[in-house]
Amino acid sequence: MLVIRRKAGESLLIGPDVEVEVIDLSHSRVKLGIRAPRQVLILRKEAKLAADQNVEAWRAVSAEALRSLVSQIRHA
C-alpha cells in the first residue's frame, strides 16, 4: 500500500484521468473530492462489500425455494 500525506487543498493523481483532492480535514474525518471520467466506477469499500454479500446470499437460494416464495406471494 502506498501512503501519501496531503493537506487540505492538495491533491494526487491516479493515472492520467483521476484526481483526488483533500477538501477538508477534521479530527476523525477526511473529505475527499474525486475528479474522474463518468465511466470510472467509484464506490465506498463498504458499499462494494455489501453488494458482494448480497450477490452471494442470492446465489445461495435454491431454485425450489425461489419458486415456493413466488407461489406464496401470488396467493397472498
N, C-alpha and C. Protein backbone atom coordinates (compact mmCIF):
# COMPACT_ATOMS: atom_id res chain seq x y z
N MET A 1 0.85 -1.18 0.00
CA MET A 1 0.00 0.00 0.00
C MET A 1 0.90 1.24 0.00
N LEU A 2 0.59 2.14 -0.88
CA LEU A 2 1.29 3.41 -0.94
C LEU A 2 0.61 4.38 0.02
N VAL A 3 1.37 5.04 0.87
CA VAL A 3 0.83 6.02 1.81
C VAL A 3 1.39 7.38 1.44
N ILE A 4 0.50 8.34 1.22
CA ILE A 4 0.89 9.69 0.82
C ILE A 4 0.24 10.68 1.78
N ARG A 5 1.00 11.60 2.29
CA ARG A 5 0.45 12.65 3.16
C ARG A 5 0.05 13.85 2.31
N ARG A 6 -1.14 14.38 2.55
CA ARG A 6 -1.65 15.55 1.85
C ARG A 6 -2.33 16.46 2.85
N LYS A 7 -2.30 17.75 2.59
CA LYS A 7 -3.01 18.74 3.39
C LYS A 7 -4.26 19.15 2.64
N ALA A 8 -5.18 19.82 3.33
CA ALA A 8 -6.39 20.33 2.68
C ALA A 8 -5.98 21.22 1.51
N GLY A 9 -6.64 21.01 0.37
CA GLY A 9 -6.33 21.78 -0.83
C GLY A 9 -5.32 21.10 -1.74
N GLU A 10 -4.62 20.09 -1.24
CA GLU A 10 -3.65 19.36 -2.05
C GLU A 10 -4.33 18.15 -2.69
N SER A 11 -3.73 17.65 -3.75
CA SER A 11 -4.34 16.52 -4.45
C SER A 11 -3.28 15.53 -4.89
N LEU A 12 -3.76 14.43 -5.43
CA LEU A 12 -2.87 13.44 -6.03
C LEU A 12 -3.55 12.91 -7.28
N LEU A 13 -2.75 12.39 -8.19
CA LEU A 13 -3.26 11.87 -9.45
C LEU A 13 -3.15 10.36 -9.47
N ILE A 14 -4.17 9.72 -10.01
CA ILE A 14 -4.16 8.28 -10.23
C ILE A 14 -4.32 8.09 -11.73
N GLY A 15 -3.26 7.70 -12.38
CA GLY A 15 -3.28 7.60 -13.84
C GLY A 15 -3.46 8.98 -14.44
N PRO A 16 -3.75 9.03 -15.73
CA PRO A 16 -3.87 10.33 -16.40
C PRO A 16 -5.21 11.03 -16.20
N ASP A 17 -6.24 10.30 -15.71
CA ASP A 17 -7.59 10.86 -15.72
C ASP A 17 -8.26 11.02 -14.36
N VAL A 18 -7.63 10.58 -13.28
CA VAL A 18 -8.29 10.63 -11.97
C VAL A 18 -7.47 11.51 -11.02
N GLU A 19 -8.16 12.49 -10.43
CA GLU A 19 -7.54 13.37 -9.43
C GLU A 19 -8.32 13.26 -8.13
N VAL A 20 -7.62 13.08 -7.03
CA VAL A 20 -8.24 13.02 -5.71
C VAL A 20 -7.70 14.21 -4.91
N GLU A 21 -8.61 15.07 -4.46
CA GLU A 21 -8.23 16.27 -3.72
C GLU A 21 -8.75 16.18 -2.28
N VAL A 22 -7.91 16.57 -1.33
CA VAL A 22 -8.34 16.66 0.06
C VAL A 22 -9.09 17.98 0.20
N ILE A 23 -10.37 17.90 0.48
CA ILE A 23 -11.22 19.09 0.59
C ILE A 23 -11.18 19.64 2.01
N ASP A 24 -11.31 18.75 3.00
CA ASP A 24 -11.39 19.20 4.39
C ASP A 24 -10.86 18.11 5.30
N LEU A 25 -10.27 18.53 6.40
CA LEU A 25 -9.77 17.62 7.42
C LEU A 25 -10.37 18.00 8.76
N SER A 26 -10.75 17.00 9.54
CA SER A 26 -11.14 17.24 10.92
C SER A 26 -10.43 16.19 11.76
N HIS A 27 -10.74 16.15 13.03
CA HIS A 27 -10.04 15.24 13.93
C HIS A 27 -10.18 13.78 13.50
N SER A 28 -11.37 13.38 13.08
CA SER A 28 -11.59 11.97 12.77
C SER A 28 -12.08 11.71 11.35
N ARG A 29 -12.14 12.73 10.50
CA ARG A 29 -12.68 12.55 9.15
C ARG A 29 -11.85 13.29 8.12
N VAL A 30 -11.93 12.78 6.91
CA VAL A 30 -11.31 13.42 5.75
C VAL A 30 -12.37 13.53 4.67
N LYS A 31 -12.52 14.70 4.07
CA LYS A 31 -13.45 14.87 2.97
C LYS A 31 -12.63 14.94 1.69
N LEU A 32 -12.93 14.03 0.75
CA LEU A 32 -12.20 13.94 -0.50
C LEU A 32 -13.08 14.36 -1.66
N GLY A 33 -12.49 15.01 -2.64
CA GLY A 33 -13.15 15.29 -3.91
C GLY A 33 -12.45 14.47 -4.97
N ILE A 34 -13.22 13.84 -5.85
CA ILE A 34 -12.65 12.98 -6.88
C ILE A 34 -13.11 13.46 -8.24
N ARG A 35 -12.16 13.77 -9.11
CA ARG A 35 -12.45 14.12 -10.50
C ARG A 35 -12.04 12.93 -11.36
N ALA A 36 -13.01 12.37 -12.08
CA ALA A 36 -12.73 11.21 -12.92
C ALA A 36 -13.74 11.18 -14.04
N PRO A 37 -13.40 10.52 -15.14
CA PRO A 37 -14.39 10.36 -16.21
C PRO A 37 -15.61 9.61 -15.71
N ARG A 38 -16.77 9.87 -16.31
CA ARG A 38 -18.02 9.25 -15.88
C ARG A 38 -17.97 7.73 -15.93
N GLN A 39 -17.20 7.16 -16.85
CA GLN A 39 -17.17 5.71 -16.97
C GLN A 39 -16.33 5.04 -15.88
N VAL A 40 -15.63 5.82 -15.06
CA VAL A 40 -14.84 5.25 -13.96
C VAL A 40 -15.76 5.05 -12.76
N LEU A 41 -15.90 3.81 -12.33
CA LEU A 41 -16.76 3.49 -11.19
C LEU A 41 -16.03 3.84 -9.90
N ILE A 42 -16.68 4.61 -9.04
CA ILE A 42 -16.12 5.00 -7.76
C ILE A 42 -17.11 4.57 -6.67
N LEU A 43 -16.67 3.69 -5.78
CA LEU A 43 -17.52 3.17 -4.73
C LEU A 43 -16.81 3.25 -3.38
N ARG A 44 -17.59 3.45 -2.32
CA ARG A 44 -17.04 3.26 -0.98
C ARG A 44 -16.83 1.77 -0.79
N LYS A 45 -15.77 1.39 -0.13
CA LYS A 45 -15.45 -0.03 0.01
C LYS A 45 -16.57 -0.79 0.71
N GLU A 46 -17.18 -0.21 1.75
CA GLU A 46 -18.24 -0.92 2.47
C GLU A 46 -19.46 -1.14 1.59
N ALA A 47 -19.73 -0.25 0.63
CA ALA A 47 -20.84 -0.46 -0.30
C ALA A 47 -20.54 -1.63 -1.23
N LYS A 48 -19.31 -1.73 -1.70
CA LYS A 48 -18.91 -2.85 -2.56
C LYS A 48 -18.99 -4.17 -1.80
N LEU A 49 -18.53 -4.19 -0.55
CA LEU A 49 -18.59 -5.41 0.25
C LEU A 49 -20.04 -5.85 0.48
N ALA A 50 -20.92 -4.90 0.78
CA ALA A 50 -22.33 -5.22 1.00
C ALA A 50 -22.95 -5.77 -0.29
N ALA A 51 -22.62 -5.18 -1.43
CA ALA A 51 -23.15 -5.68 -2.71
C ALA A 51 -22.66 -7.10 -2.97
N ASP A 52 -21.39 -7.36 -2.70
CA ASP A 52 -20.84 -8.71 -2.89
C ASP A 52 -21.54 -9.72 -1.98
N GLN A 53 -21.82 -9.33 -0.73
CA GLN A 53 -22.52 -10.22 0.20
C GLN A 53 -23.94 -10.49 -0.27
N ASN A 54 -24.60 -9.49 -0.83
CA ASN A 54 -25.95 -9.68 -1.35
C ASN A 54 -25.97 -10.66 -2.52
N VAL A 55 -24.98 -10.56 -3.39
CA VAL A 55 -24.89 -11.48 -4.52
C VAL A 55 -24.66 -12.90 -4.02
N GLU A 56 -23.78 -13.06 -3.05
CA GLU A 56 -23.52 -14.40 -2.50
C GLU A 56 -24.77 -14.98 -1.84
N ALA A 57 -25.52 -14.14 -1.12
CA ALA A 57 -26.75 -14.61 -0.48
C ALA A 57 -27.78 -15.01 -1.53
N TRP A 58 -27.86 -14.24 -2.59
CA TRP A 58 -28.80 -14.56 -3.67
C TRP A 58 -28.44 -15.90 -4.32
N ARG A 59 -27.16 -16.12 -4.53
CA ARG A 59 -26.72 -17.38 -5.15
C ARG A 59 -26.99 -18.58 -4.26
N ALA A 60 -27.09 -18.37 -2.96
CA ALA A 60 -27.31 -19.47 -2.02
C ALA A 60 -28.76 -19.94 -2.00
N VAL A 61 -29.67 -19.15 -2.58
CA VAL A 61 -31.09 -19.51 -2.59
C VAL A 61 -31.32 -20.55 -3.69
N SER A 62 -31.95 -21.66 -3.35
CA SER A 62 -32.22 -22.71 -4.33
C SER A 62 -33.38 -22.29 -5.24
N ALA A 63 -33.41 -22.87 -6.42
CA ALA A 63 -34.49 -22.60 -7.36
C ALA A 63 -35.84 -23.00 -6.76
N GLU A 64 -35.86 -24.10 -6.04
CA GLU A 64 -37.11 -24.56 -5.43
C GLU A 64 -37.60 -23.58 -4.37
N ALA A 65 -36.71 -23.08 -3.56
CA ALA A 65 -37.09 -22.10 -2.53
C ALA A 65 -37.62 -20.83 -3.19
N LEU A 66 -37.03 -20.43 -4.29
CA LEU A 66 -37.48 -19.24 -5.00
C LEU A 66 -38.87 -19.46 -5.59
N ARG A 67 -39.09 -20.63 -6.19
CA ARG A 67 -40.42 -20.94 -6.73
C ARG A 67 -41.48 -20.94 -5.62
N SER A 68 -41.13 -21.49 -4.48
CA SER A 68 -42.05 -21.53 -3.34
C SER A 68 -42.40 -20.12 -2.88
N LEU A 69 -41.42 -19.26 -2.80
CA LEU A 69 -41.64 -17.88 -2.37
C LEU A 69 -42.54 -17.14 -3.35
N VAL A 70 -42.28 -17.30 -4.64
CA VAL A 70 -43.11 -16.65 -5.66
C VAL A 70 -44.55 -17.15 -5.56
N SER A 71 -44.72 -18.45 -5.35
CA SER A 71 -46.06 -19.03 -5.20
C SER A 71 -46.77 -18.43 -3.99
N GLN A 72 -46.07 -18.29 -2.88
CA GLN A 72 -46.68 -17.71 -1.68
C GLN A 72 -47.08 -16.27 -1.89
N ILE A 73 -46.28 -15.53 -2.61
CA ILE A 73 -46.59 -14.11 -2.89
C ILE A 73 -47.83 -14.01 -3.78
N ARG A 74 -47.90 -14.86 -4.78
CA ARG A 74 -49.03 -14.82 -5.71
C ARG A 74 -50.35 -15.18 -5.02
N HIS A 75 -50.28 -16.05 -4.04
CA HIS A 75 -51.50 -16.49 -3.37
C HIS A 75 -51.82 -15.69 -2.10
N ALA A 76 -51.06 -14.68 -1.83
CA ALA A 76 -51.29 -13.88 -0.62
C ALA A 76 -52.36 -12.85 -0.84
